[in-house]
Amino acid sequence: LTDSPVTRLLYAKGHLDGVLVEKPGDH
């Protein structure tokens, strides 16, 4: 996926669980 900047690392129960992508247009 292009045009997909990662802005945060995600955690669940203290463990790294993925990432948050915030694209243009508040998506």
mmCIF file of all heavy atoms, coordinates in Angstrom:
data_MODEL
# 
_entry.id   MODEL 
# 
loop_
_atom_site.group_PDB 
_atom_site.id 
_atom_site.type_symbol 
_atom_site.label_atom_id 
_atom_site.label_alt_id 
_atom_site.label_comp_id 
_atom_site.label_asym_id 
_atom_site.label_entity_id 
_atom_site.label_seq_id 
_atom_site.pdbx_PDB_ins_code 
_atom_site.Cartn_x 
_atom_site.Cartn_y 
_atom_site.Cartn_z 
_atom_site.occupancy 
_atom_site.B_iso_or_equiv 
_atom_site.pdbx_formal_charge 
_atom_site.auth_seq_id 
_atom_site.auth_comp_id 
_atom_site.auth_asym_id 
_atom_site.auth_atom_id 
_atom_site.pdbx_PDB_model_num 
ATOM 1   N N   . LEU A 1 1  ? 0.846   -1.195  0.000  1.00 0.00 ? 1  LEU A N   1 
ATOM 2   C CA  . LEU A 1 1  ? 0.000   0.000   0.000  1.00 0.00 ? 1  LEU A CA  1 
ATOM 3   C C   . LEU A 1 1  ? 0.879   1.242   0.000  1.00 0.00 ? 1  LEU A C   1 
ATOM 4   O O   . LEU A 1 1  ? 1.693   1.438   0.910  1.00 0.00 ? 1  LEU A O   1 
ATOM 5   C CB  . LEU A 1 1  ? -0.915  0.006   1.230  1.00 0.00 ? 1  LEU A CB  1 
ATOM 6   C CG  . LEU A 1 1  ? -1.882  -1.175  1.385  1.00 0.00 ? 1  LEU A CG  1 
ATOM 7   C CD1 . LEU A 1 1  ? -2.641  -1.063  2.696  1.00 0.00 ? 1  LEU A CD1 1 
ATOM 8   C CD2 . LEU A 1 1  ? -2.850  -1.239  0.213  1.00 0.00 ? 1  LEU A CD2 1 
ATOM 9   N N   . THR A 1 2  ? 0.759   2.066   -1.027 1.00 0.00 ? 2  THR A N   1 
ATOM 10  C CA  . THR A 1 2  ? 1.460   3.341   -1.077 1.00 0.00 ? 2  THR A CA  1 
ATOM 11  C C   . THR A 1 2  ? 0.548   4.444   -0.543 1.00 0.00 ? 2  THR A C   1 
ATOM 12  O O   . THR A 1 2  ? -0.608  4.196   -0.198 1.00 0.00 ? 2  THR A O   1 
ATOM 13  C CB  . THR A 1 2  ? 1.901   3.662   -2.514 1.00 0.00 ? 2  THR A CB  1 
ATOM 14  O OG1 . THR A 1 2  ? 0.748   3.643   -3.367 1.00 0.00 ? 2  THR A OG1 1 
ATOM 15  C CG2 . THR A 1 2  ? 2.910   2.630   -3.015 1.00 0.00 ? 2  THR A CG2 1 
ATOM 16  N N   . ASP A 1 3  ? 1.062   5.666   -0.461 1.00 0.00 ? 3  ASP A N   1 
ATOM 17  C CA  . ASP A 1 3  ? 0.311   6.795   0.128  1.00 0.00 ? 3  ASP A CA  1 
ATOM 18  C C   . ASP A 1 3  ? -0.204  6.432   1.514  1.00 0.00 ? 3  ASP A C   1 
ATOM 19  O O   . ASP A 1 3  ? -1.311  6.824   1.907  1.00 0.00 ? 3  ASP A O   1 
ATOM 20  C CB  . ASP A 1 3  ? -0.866  7.200   -0.767 1.00 0.00 ? 3  ASP A CB  1 
ATOM 21  C CG  . ASP A 1 3  ? -0.430  7.752   -2.104 1.00 0.00 ? 3  ASP A CG  1 
ATOM 22  O OD1 . ASP A 1 3  ? 0.242   8.798   -2.111 1.00 0.00 ? 3  ASP A OD1 1 
ATOM 23  O OD2 . ASP A 1 3  ? -0.745  7.123   -3.141 1.00 0.00 ? 3  ASP A OD2 1 
ATOM 24  N N   . SER A 1 4  ? 0.587   5.700   2.275  1.00 0.00 ? 4  SER A N   1 
ATOM 25  C CA  . SER A 1 4  ? 0.116   5.161   3.561  1.00 0.00 ? 4  SER A CA  1 
ATOM 26  C C   . SER A 1 4  ? 1.132   5.423   4.670  1.00 0.00 ? 4  SER A C   1 
ATOM 27  O O   . SER A 1 4  ? 1.865   4.517   5.098  1.00 0.00 ? 4  SER A O   1 
ATOM 28  C CB  . SER A 1 4  ? -0.151  3.650   3.435  1.00 0.00 ? 4  SER A CB  1 
ATOM 29  O OG  . SER A 1 4  ? -1.176  3.397   2.498  1.00 0.00 ? 4  SER A OG  1 
ATOM 30  N N   . PRO A 1 5  ? 1.197   6.659   5.163  1.00 0.00 ? 5  PRO A N   1 
ATOM 31  C CA  . PRO A 1 5  ? 2.164   6.978   6.220  1.00 0.00 ? 5  PRO A CA  1 
ATOM 32  C C   . PRO A 1 5  ? 1.751   6.414   7.578  1.00 0.00 ? 5  PRO A C   1 
ATOM 33  O O   . PRO A 1 5  ? 0.620   6.597   8.034  1.00 0.00 ? 5  PRO A O   1 
ATOM 34  C CB  . PRO A 1 5  ? 2.154   8.511   6.247  1.00 0.00 ? 5  PRO A CB  1 
ATOM 35  C CG  . PRO A 1 5  ? 0.817   8.894   5.711  1.00 0.00 ? 5  PRO A CG  1 
ATOM 36  C CD  . PRO A 1 5  ? 0.453   7.847   4.700  1.00 0.00 ? 5  PRO A CD  1 
ATOM 37  N N   . VAL A 1 6  ? 2.665   5.733   8.227  1.00 0.00 ? 6  VAL A N   1 
ATOM 38  C CA  . VAL A 1 6  ? 2.434   5.193   9.571  1.00 0.00 ? 6  VAL A CA  1 
ATOM 39  C C   . VAL A 1 6  ? 2.757   6.274   10.591 1.00 0.00 ? 6  VAL A C   1 
ATOM 40  O O   . VAL A 1 6  ? 3.844   6.877   10.551 1.00 0.00 ? 6  VAL A O   1 
ATOM 41  C CB  . VAL A 1 6  ? 3.307   3.950   9.819  1.00 0.00 ? 6  VAL A CB  1 
ATOM 42  C CG1 . VAL A 1 6  ? 3.170   3.477   11.263 1.00 0.00 ? 6  VAL A CG1 1 
ATOM 43  C CG2 . VAL A 1 6  ? 2.922   2.833   8.849  1.00 0.00 ? 6  VAL A CG2 1 
ATOM 44  N N   . THR A 1 7  ? 1.835   6.520   11.500 1.00 0.00 ? 7  THR A N   1 
ATOM 45  C CA  . THR A 1 7  ? 2.032   7.578   12.484 1.00 0.00 ? 7  THR A CA  1 
ATOM 46  C C   . THR A 1 7  ? 2.151   7.068   13.917 1.00 0.00 ? 7  THR A C   1 
ATOM 47  O O   . THR A 1 7  ? 2.638   7.779   14.780 1.00 0.00 ? 7  THR A O   1 
ATOM 48  C CB  . THR A 1 7  ? 0.870   8.591   12.426 1.00 0.00 ? 7  THR A CB  1 
ATOM 49  O OG1 . THR A 1 7  ? -0.369  7.899   12.650 1.00 0.00 ? 7  THR A OG1 1 
ATOM 50  C CG2 . THR A 1 7  ? 0.824   9.282   11.073 1.00 0.00 ? 7  THR A CG2 1 
ATOM 51  N N   . ARG A 1 8  ? 1.671   5.851   14.170 1.00 0.00 ? 8  ARG A N   1 
ATOM 52  C CA  . ARG A 1 8  ? 1.730   5.302   15.536 1.00 0.00 ? 8  ARG A CA  1 
ATOM 53  C C   . ARG A 1 8  ? 1.985   3.814   15.505 1.00 0.00 ? 8  ARG A C   1 
ATOM 54  O O   . ARG A 1 8  ? 1.544   3.110   14.595 1.00 0.00 ? 8  ARG A O   1 
ATOM 55  C CB  . ARG A 1 8  ? 0.399   5.548   16.271 1.00 0.00 ? 8  ARG A CB  1 
ATOM 56  C CG  . ARG A 1 8  ? 0.015   6.989   16.486 1.00 0.00 ? 8  ARG A CG  1 
ATOM 57  C CD  . ARG A 1 8  ? 0.882   7.676   17.527 1.00 0.00 ? 8  ARG A CD  1 
ATOM 58  N NE  . ARG A 1 8  ? 0.775   7.071   18.846 1.00 0.00 ? 8  ARG A NE  1 
ATOM 59  C CZ  . ARG A 1 8  ? -0.173  7.393   19.733 1.00 0.00 ? 8  ARG A CZ  1 
ATOM 60  N NH1 . ARG A 1 8  ? -1.102  8.288   19.424 1.00 0.00 ? 8  ARG A NH1 1 
ATOM 61  N NH2 . ARG A 1 8  ? -0.197  6.823   20.911 1.00 0.00 ? 8  ARG A NH2 1 
ATOM 62  N N   . LEU A 1 9  ? 2.671   3.329   16.528 1.00 0.00 ? 9  LEU A N   1 
ATOM 63  C CA  . LEU A 1 9  ? 2.735   1.901   16.798 1.00 0.00 ? 9  LEU A CA  1 
ATOM 64  C C   . LEU A 1 9  ? 1.583   1.557   17.728 1.00 0.00 ? 9  LEU A C   1 
ATOM 65  O O   . LEU A 1 9  ? 1.214   2.351   18.606 1.00 0.00 ? 9  LEU A O   1 
ATOM 66  C CB  . LEU A 1 9  ? 4.063   1.530   17.457 1.00 0.00 ? 9  LEU A CB  1 
ATOM 67  C CG  . LEU A 1 9  ? 5.336   1.837   16.649 1.00 0.00 ? 9  LEU A CG  1 
ATOM 68  C CD1 . LEU A 1 9  ? 6.572   1.408   17.443 1.00 0.00 ? 9  LEU A CD1 1 
ATOM 69  C CD2 . LEU A 1 9  ? 5.322   1.138   15.303 1.00 0.00 ? 9  LEU A CD2 1 
ATOM 70  N N   . LEU A 1 10 ? 0.980   0.400   17.543 1.00 0.00 ? 10 LEU A N   1 
ATOM 71  C CA  . LEU A 1 10 ? -0.168  -0.023  18.336 1.00 0.00 ? 10 LEU A CA  1 
ATOM 72  C C   . LEU A 1 10 ? 0.237   -1.092  19.339 1.00 0.00 ? 10 LEU A C   1 
ATOM 73  O O   . LEU A 1 10 ? 1.098   -1.927  19.068 1.00 0.00 ? 10 LEU A O   1 
ATOM 74  C CB  . LEU A 1 10 ? -1.267  -0.577  17.428 1.00 0.00 ? 10 LEU A CB  1 
ATOM 75  C CG  . LEU A 1 10 ? -1.785  0.349   16.327 1.00 0.00 ? 10 LEU A CG  1 
ATOM 76  C CD1 . LEU A 1 10 ? -2.878  -0.344  15.539 1.00 0.00 ? 10 LEU A CD1 1 
ATOM 77  C CD2 . LEU A 1 10 ? -2.282  1.663   16.907 1.00 0.00 ? 10 LEU A CD2 1 
ATOM 78  N N   . TYR A 1 11 ? -0.436  -1.036  20.476 1.00 0.00 ? 11 TYR A N   1 
ATOM 79  C CA  . TYR A 1 11 ? -0.179  -2.021  21.519 1.00 0.00 ? 11 TYR A CA  1 
ATOM 80  C C   . TYR A 1 11 ? -1.489  -2.616  22.001 1.00 0.00 ? 11 TYR A C   1 
ATOM 81  O O   . TYR A 1 11 ? -2.532  -1.961  21.991 1.00 0.00 ? 11 TYR A O   1 
ATOM 82  C CB  . TYR A 1 11 ? 0.535   -1.366  22.719 1.00 0.00 ? 11 TYR A CB  1 
ATOM 83  C CG  . TYR A 1 11 ? 1.938   -0.923  22.410 1.00 0.00 ? 11 TYR A CG  1 
ATOM 84  C CD1 . TYR A 1 11 ? 2.181   0.281   21.764 1.00 0.00 ? 11 TYR A CD1 1 
ATOM 85  C CD2 . TYR A 1 11 ? 3.024   -1.725  22.739 1.00 0.00 ? 11 TYR A CD2 1 
ATOM 86  C CE1 . TYR A 1 11 ? 3.463   0.686   21.459 1.00 0.00 ? 11 TYR A CE1 1 
ATOM 87  C CE2 . TYR A 1 11 ? 4.321   -1.330  22.440 1.00 0.00 ? 11 TYR A CE2 1 
ATOM 88  C CZ  . TYR A 1 11 ? 4.534   -0.121  21.806 1.00 0.00 ? 11 TYR A CZ  1 
ATOM 89  O OH  . TYR A 1 11 ? 5.805   0.270   21.503 1.00 0.00 ? 11 TYR A OH  1 
ATOM 90  N N   . ALA A 1 12 ? -1.439  -3.865  22.430 1.00 0.00 ? 12 ALA A N   1 
ATOM 91  C CA  . ALA A 1 12 ? -2.571  -4.513  23.082 1.00 0.00 ? 12 ALA A CA  1 
ATOM 92  C C   . ALA A 1 12 ? -2.027  -5.302  24.263 1.00 0.00 ? 12 ALA A C   1 
ATOM 93  O O   . ALA A 1 12 ? -1.105  -6.122  24.103 1.00 0.00 ? 12 ALA A O   1 
ATOM 94  C CB  . ALA A 1 12 ? -3.297  -5.438  22.112 1.00 0.00 ? 12 ALA A CB  1 
ATOM 95  N N   . LYS A 1 13 ? -2.557  -5.011  25.440 1.00 0.00 ? 13 LYS A N   1 
ATOM 96  C CA  . LYS A 1 13 ? -2.103  -5.679  26.662 1.00 0.00 ? 13 LYS A CA  1 
ATOM 97  C C   . LYS A 1 13 ? -0.586  -5.588  26.829 1.00 0.00 ? 13 LYS A C   1 
ATOM 98  O O   . LYS A 1 13 ? 0.078   -6.529  27.255 1.00 0.00 ? 13 LYS A O   1 
ATOM 99  C CB  . LYS A 1 13 ? -2.546  -7.144  26.656 1.00 0.00 ? 13 LYS A CB  1 
ATOM 100 C CG  . LYS A 1 13 ? -4.060  -7.315  26.609 1.00 0.00 ? 13 LYS A CG  1 
ATOM 101 C CD  . LYS A 1 13 ? -4.458  -8.784  26.614 1.00 0.00 ? 13 LYS A CD  1 
ATOM 102 C CE  . LYS A 1 13 ? -5.984  -8.927  26.561 1.00 0.00 ? 13 LYS A CE  1 
ATOM 103 N NZ  . LYS A 1 13 ? -6.413  -10.345 26.515 1.00 0.00 ? 13 LYS A NZ  1 
ATOM 104 N N   . GLY A 1 14 ? -0.052  -4.403  26.465 1.00 0.00 ? 14 GLY A N   1 
ATOM 105 C CA  . GLY A 1 14 ? 1.367   -4.161  26.656 1.00 0.00 ? 14 GLY A CA  1 
ATOM 106 C C   . GLY A 1 14 ? 2.274   -4.708  25.589 1.00 0.00 ? 14 GLY A C   1 
ATOM 107 O O   . GLY A 1 14 ? 3.493   -4.530  25.664 1.00 0.00 ? 14 GLY A O   1 
ATOM 108 N N   . HIS A 1 15 ? 1.717   -5.364  24.567 1.00 0.00 ? 15 HIS A N   1 
ATOM 109 C CA  . HIS A 1 15 ? 2.538   -5.962  23.524 1.00 0.00 ? 15 HIS A CA  1 
ATOM 110 C C   . HIS A 1 15 ? 2.322   -5.225  22.197 1.00 0.00 ? 15 HIS A C   1 
ATOM 111 O O   . HIS A 1 15 ? 1.204   -4.831  21.869 1.00 0.00 ? 15 HIS A O   1 
ATOM 112 C CB  . HIS A 1 15 ? 2.196   -7.443  23.348 1.00 0.00 ? 15 HIS A CB  1 
ATOM 113 C CG  . HIS A 1 15 ? 2.508   -8.275  24.560 1.00 0.00 ? 15 HIS A CG  1 
ATOM 114 N ND1 . HIS A 1 15 ? 3.781   -8.659  24.895 1.00 0.00 ? 15 HIS A ND1 1 
ATOM 115 C CD2 . HIS A 1 15 ? 1.694   -8.783  25.524 1.00 0.00 ? 15 HIS A CD2 1 
ATOM 116 C CE1 . HIS A 1 15 ? 3.747   -9.372  26.005 1.00 0.00 ? 15 HIS A CE1 1 
ATOM 117 N NE2 . HIS A 1 15 ? 2.491   -9.460  26.409 1.00 0.00 ? 15 HIS A NE2 1 
ATOM 118 N N   . LEU A 1 16 ? 3.394   -5.089  21.435 1.00 0.00 ? 16 LEU A N   1 
ATOM 119 C CA  . LEU A 1 16 ? 3.301   -4.479  20.116 1.00 0.00 ? 16 LEU A CA  1 
ATOM 120 C C   . LEU A 1 16 ? 2.337   -5.276  19.255 1.00 0.00 ? 16 LEU A C   1 
ATOM 121 O O   . LEU A 1 16 ? 2.450   -6.502  19.144 1.00 0.00 ? 16 LEU A O   1 
ATOM 122 C CB  . LEU A 1 16 ? 4.690   -4.447  19.465 1.00 0.00 ? 16 LEU A CB  1 
ATOM 123 C CG  . LEU A 1 16 ? 4.847   -3.625  18.197 1.00 0.00 ? 16 LEU A CG  1 
ATOM 124 C CD1 . LEU A 1 16 ? 4.557   -2.157  18.468 1.00 0.00 ? 16 LEU A CD1 1 
ATOM 125 C CD2 . LEU A 1 16 ? 6.261   -3.783  17.663 1.00 0.00 ? 16 LEU A CD2 1 
ATOM 126 N N   . ASP A 1 17 ? 1.375   -4.556  18.658 1.00 0.00 ? 17 ASP A N   1 
ATOM 127 C CA  . ASP A 1 17 ? 0.271   -5.265  18.012 1.00 0.00 ? 17 ASP A CA  1 
ATOM 128 C C   . ASP A 1 17 ? -0.007  -4.796  16.587 1.00 0.00 ? 17 ASP A C   1 
ATOM 129 O O   . ASP A 1 17 ? -0.935  -5.263  15.955 1.00 0.00 ? 17 ASP A O   1 
ATOM 130 C CB  . ASP A 1 17 ? -0.996  -5.078  18.864 1.00 0.00 ? 17 ASP A CB  1 
ATOM 131 C CG  . ASP A 1 17 ? -2.102  -6.036  18.480 1.00 0.00 ? 17 ASP A CG  1 
ATOM 132 O OD1 . ASP A 1 17 ? -1.872  -7.257  18.501 1.00 0.00 ? 17 ASP A OD1 1 
ATOM 133 O OD2 . ASP A 1 17 ? -3.194  -5.554  18.125 1.00 0.00 ? 17 ASP A OD2 1 
ATOM 134 N N   . GLY A 1 18 ? 0.783   -3.846  16.056 1.00 0.00 ? 18 GLY A N   1 
ATOM 135 C CA  . GLY A 1 18 ? 0.539   -3.363  14.708 1.00 0.00 ? 18 GLY A CA  1 
ATOM 136 C C   . GLY A 1 18 ? 0.817   -1.885  14.595 1.00 0.00 ? 18 GLY A C   1 
ATOM 137 O O   . GLY A 1 18 ? 1.563   -1.309  15.397 1.00 0.00 ? 18 GLY A O   1 
ATOM 138 N N   . VAL A 1 19 ? 0.185   -1.242  13.590 1.00 0.00 ? 19 VAL A N   1 
ATOM 139 C CA  . VAL A 1 19 ? 0.460   0.163   13.320 1.00 0.00 ? 19 VAL A CA  1 
ATOM 140 C C   . VAL A 1 19 ? -0.825  0.892   12.931 1.00 0.00 ? 19 VAL A C   1 
ATOM 141 O O   . VAL A 1 19 ? -1.792  0.280   12.477 1.00 0.00 ? 19 VAL A O   1 
ATOM 142 C CB  . VAL A 1 19 ? 1.492   0.320   12.184 1.00 0.00 ? 19 VAL A CB  1 
ATOM 143 C CG1 . VAL A 1 19 ? 2.802   -0.348  12.551 1.00 0.00 ? 19 VAL A CG1 1 
ATOM 144 C CG2 . VAL A 1 19 ? 0.957   -0.230  10.869 1.00 0.00 ? 19 VAL A CG2 1 
ATOM 145 N N   . LEU A 1 20 ? -0.780  2.213   13.103 1.00 0.00 ? 20 LEU A N   1 
ATOM 146 C CA  . LEU A 1 20 ? -1.856  3.091   12.654 1.00 0.00 ? 20 LEU A CA  1 
ATOM 147 C C   . LEU A 1 20 ? -1.383  3.869   11.440 1.00 0.00 ? 20 LEU A C   1 
ATOM 148 O O   . LEU A 1 20 ? -0.305  4.465   11.450 1.00 0.00 ? 20 LEU A O   1 
ATOM 149 C CB  . LEU A 1 20 ? -2.245  4.071   13.765 1.00 0.00 ? 20 LEU A CB  1 
ATOM 150 C CG  . LEU A 1 20 ? -3.230  5.193   13.380 1.00 0.00 ? 20 LEU A CG  1 
ATOM 151 C CD1 . LEU A 1 20 ? -4.607  4.608   13.084 1.00 0.00 ? 20 LEU A CD1 1 
ATOM 152 C CD2 . LEU A 1 20 ? -3.315  6.237   14.493 1.00 0.00 ? 20 LEU A CD2 1 
ATOM 153 N N   . VAL A 1 21 ? -2.190  3.865   10.379 1.00 0.00 ? 21 VAL A N   1 
ATOM 154 C CA  . VAL A 1 21 ? -1.907  4.621   9.165  1.00 0.00 ? 21 VAL A CA  1 
ATOM 155 C C   . VAL A 1 21 ? -2.897  5.767   9.069  1.00 0.00 ? 21 VAL A C   1 
ATOM 156 O O   . VAL A 1 21 ? -4.110  5.562   9.206  1.00 0.00 ? 21 VAL A O   1 
ATOM 157 C CB  . VAL A 1 21 ? -2.030  3.725   7.910  1.00 0.00 ? 21 VAL A CB  1 
ATOM 158 C CG1 . VAL A 1 21 ? -1.794  4.541   6.646  1.00 0.00 ? 21 VAL A CG1 1 
ATOM 159 C CG2 . VAL A 1 21 ? -1.050  2.558   7.983  1.00 0.00 ? 21 VAL A CG2 1 
ATOM 160 N N   . GLU A 1 22 ? -2.380  6.972   8.847  1.00 0.00 ? 22 GLU A N   1 
ATOM 161 C CA  . GLU A 1 22 ? -3.253  8.142   8.693  1.00 0.00 ? 22 GLU A CA  1 
ATOM 162 C C   . GLU A 1 22 ? -2.997  8.750   7.324  1.00 0.00 ? 22 GLU A C   1 
ATOM 163 O O   . GLU A 1 22 ? -1.966  9.388   7.088  1.00 0.00 ? 22 GLU A O   1 
ATOM 164 C CB  . GLU A 1 22 ? -2.991  9.149   9.810  1.00 0.00 ? 22 GLU A CB  1 
ATOM 165 C CG  . GLU A 1 22 ? -3.388  8.617   11.184 1.00 0.00 ? 22 GLU A CG  1 
ATOM 166 C CD  . GLU A 1 22 ? -3.236  9.645   12.280 1.00 0.00 ? 22 GLU A CD  1 
ATOM 167 O OE1 . GLU A 1 22 ? -2.095  9.848   12.736 1.00 0.00 ? 22 GLU A OE1 1 
ATOM 168 O OE2 . GLU A 1 22 ? -4.250  10.249  12.676 1.00 0.00 ? 22 GLU A OE2 1 
ATOM 169 N N   . LYS A 1 23 ? -3.959  8.557   6.415  1.00 0.00 ? 23 LYS A N   1 
ATOM 170 C CA  . LYS A 1 23 ? -3.826  9.019   5.027  1.00 0.00 ? 23 LYS A CA  1 
ATOM 171 C C   . LYS A 1 23 ? -4.423  10.408  4.877  1.00 0.00 ? 23 LYS A C   1 
ATOM 172 O O   . LYS A 1 23 ? -5.142  10.891  5.749  1.00 0.00 ? 23 LYS A O   1 
ATOM 173 C CB  . LYS A 1 23 ? -4.543  8.027   4.102  1.00 0.00 ? 23 LYS A CB  1 
ATOM 174 C CG  . LYS A 1 23 ? -3.975  6.618   4.153  1.00 0.00 ? 23 LYS A CG  1 
ATOM 175 C CD  . LYS A 1 23 ? -4.639  5.693   3.158  1.00 0.00 ? 23 LYS A CD  1 
ATOM 176 C CE  . LYS A 1 23 ? -4.221  6.023   1.752  1.00 0.00 ? 23 LYS A CE  1 
ATOM 177 N NZ  . LYS A 1 23 ? -4.592  4.944   0.794  1.00 0.00 ? 23 LYS A NZ  1 
ATOM 178 N N   . PRO A 1 24 ? -4.134  11.066  3.754  1.00 0.00 ? 24 PRO A N   1 
ATOM 179 C CA  . PRO A 1 24 ? -4.756  12.379  3.502  1.00 0.00 ? 24 PRO A CA  1 
ATOM 180 C C   . PRO A 1 24 ? -6.279  12.279  3.518  1.00 0.00 ? 24 PRO A C   1 
ATOM 181 O O   . PRO A 1 24 ? -6.855  11.223  3.244  1.00 0.00 ? 24 PRO A O   1 
ATOM 182 C CB  . PRO A 1 24 ? -4.239  12.738  2.101  1.00 0.00 ? 24 PRO A CB  1 
ATOM 183 C CG  . PRO A 1 24 ? -2.984  11.943  1.939  1.00 0.00 ? 24 PRO A CG  1 
ATOM 184 C CD  . PRO A 1 24 ? -3.203  10.673  2.687  1.00 0.00 ? 24 PRO A CD  1 
ATOM 185 N N   . GLY A 1 25 ? -6.909  13.381  3.836  1.00 0.00 ? 25 GLY A N   1 
ATOM 186 C CA  . GLY A 1 25 ? -8.365  13.395  3.837  1.00 0.00 ? 25 GLY A CA  1 
ATOM 187 C C   . GLY A 1 25 ? -8.967  12.784  5.085  1.00 0.00 ? 25 GLY A C   1 
ATOM 188 O O   . GLY A 1 25 ? -10.088 12.263  5.071  1.00 0.00 ? 25 GLY A O   1 
ATOM 189 N N   . ASP A 1 26 ? -8.209  12.827  6.199  1.00 0.00 ? 26 ASP A N   1 
ATOM 190 C CA  . ASP A 1 26 ? -8.713  12.312  7.478  1.00 0.00 ? 26 ASP A CA  1 
ATOM 191 C C   . ASP A 1 26 ? -9.126  10.850  7.390  1.00 0.00 ? 26 ASP A C   1 
ATOM 192 O O   . ASP A 1 26 ? -10.055 10.423  8.080  1.00 0.00 ? 26 ASP A O   1 
ATOM 193 C CB  . ASP A 1 26 ? -9.900  13.158  7.987  1.00 0.00 ? 26 ASP A CB  1 
ATOM 194 C CG  . ASP A 1 26 ? -9.483  14.587  8.283  1.00 0.00 ? 26 ASP A CG  1 
ATOM 195 O OD1 . ASP A 1 26 ? -8.356  14.766  8.780  1.00 0.00 ? 26 ASP A OD1 1 
ATOM 196 O OD2 . ASP A 1 26 ? -10.271 15.503  8.012  1.00 0.00 ? 26 ASP A OD2 1 
ATOM 197 N N   . HIS A 1 27 ? -8.460  10.094  6.545  1.00 0.00 ? 27 HIS A N   1 
ATOM 198 C CA  . HIS A 1 27 ? -8.766  8.671   6.450  1.00 0.00 ? 27 HIS A CA  1 
ATOM 199 C C   . HIS A 1 27 ? -7.664  7.875   7.132  1.00 0.00 ? 27 HIS A C   1 
ATOM 200 O O   . HIS A 1 27 ? -6.490  8.049   6.842  1.00 0.00 ? 27 HIS A O   1 
ATOM 201 C CB  . HIS A 1 27 ? -8.886  8.238   4.978  1.00 0.00 ? 27 HIS A CB  1 
ATOM 202 C CG  . HIS A 1 27 ? -9.105  6.773   4.827  1.00 0.00 ? 27 HIS A CG  1 
ATOM 203 N ND1 . HIS A 1 27 ? -10.170 6.123   5.383  1.00 0.00 ? 27 HIS A ND1 1 
ATOM 204 C CD2 . HIS A 1 27 ? -8.370  5.813   4.204  1.00 0.00 ? 27 HIS A CD2 1 
ATOM 205 C CE1 . HIS A 1 27 ? -10.106 4.836   5.093  1.00 0.00 ? 27 HIS A CE1 1 
ATOM 206 N NE2 . HIS A 1 27 ? -9.013  4.621   4.387  1.00 0.00 ? 27 HIS A NE2 1 
# 
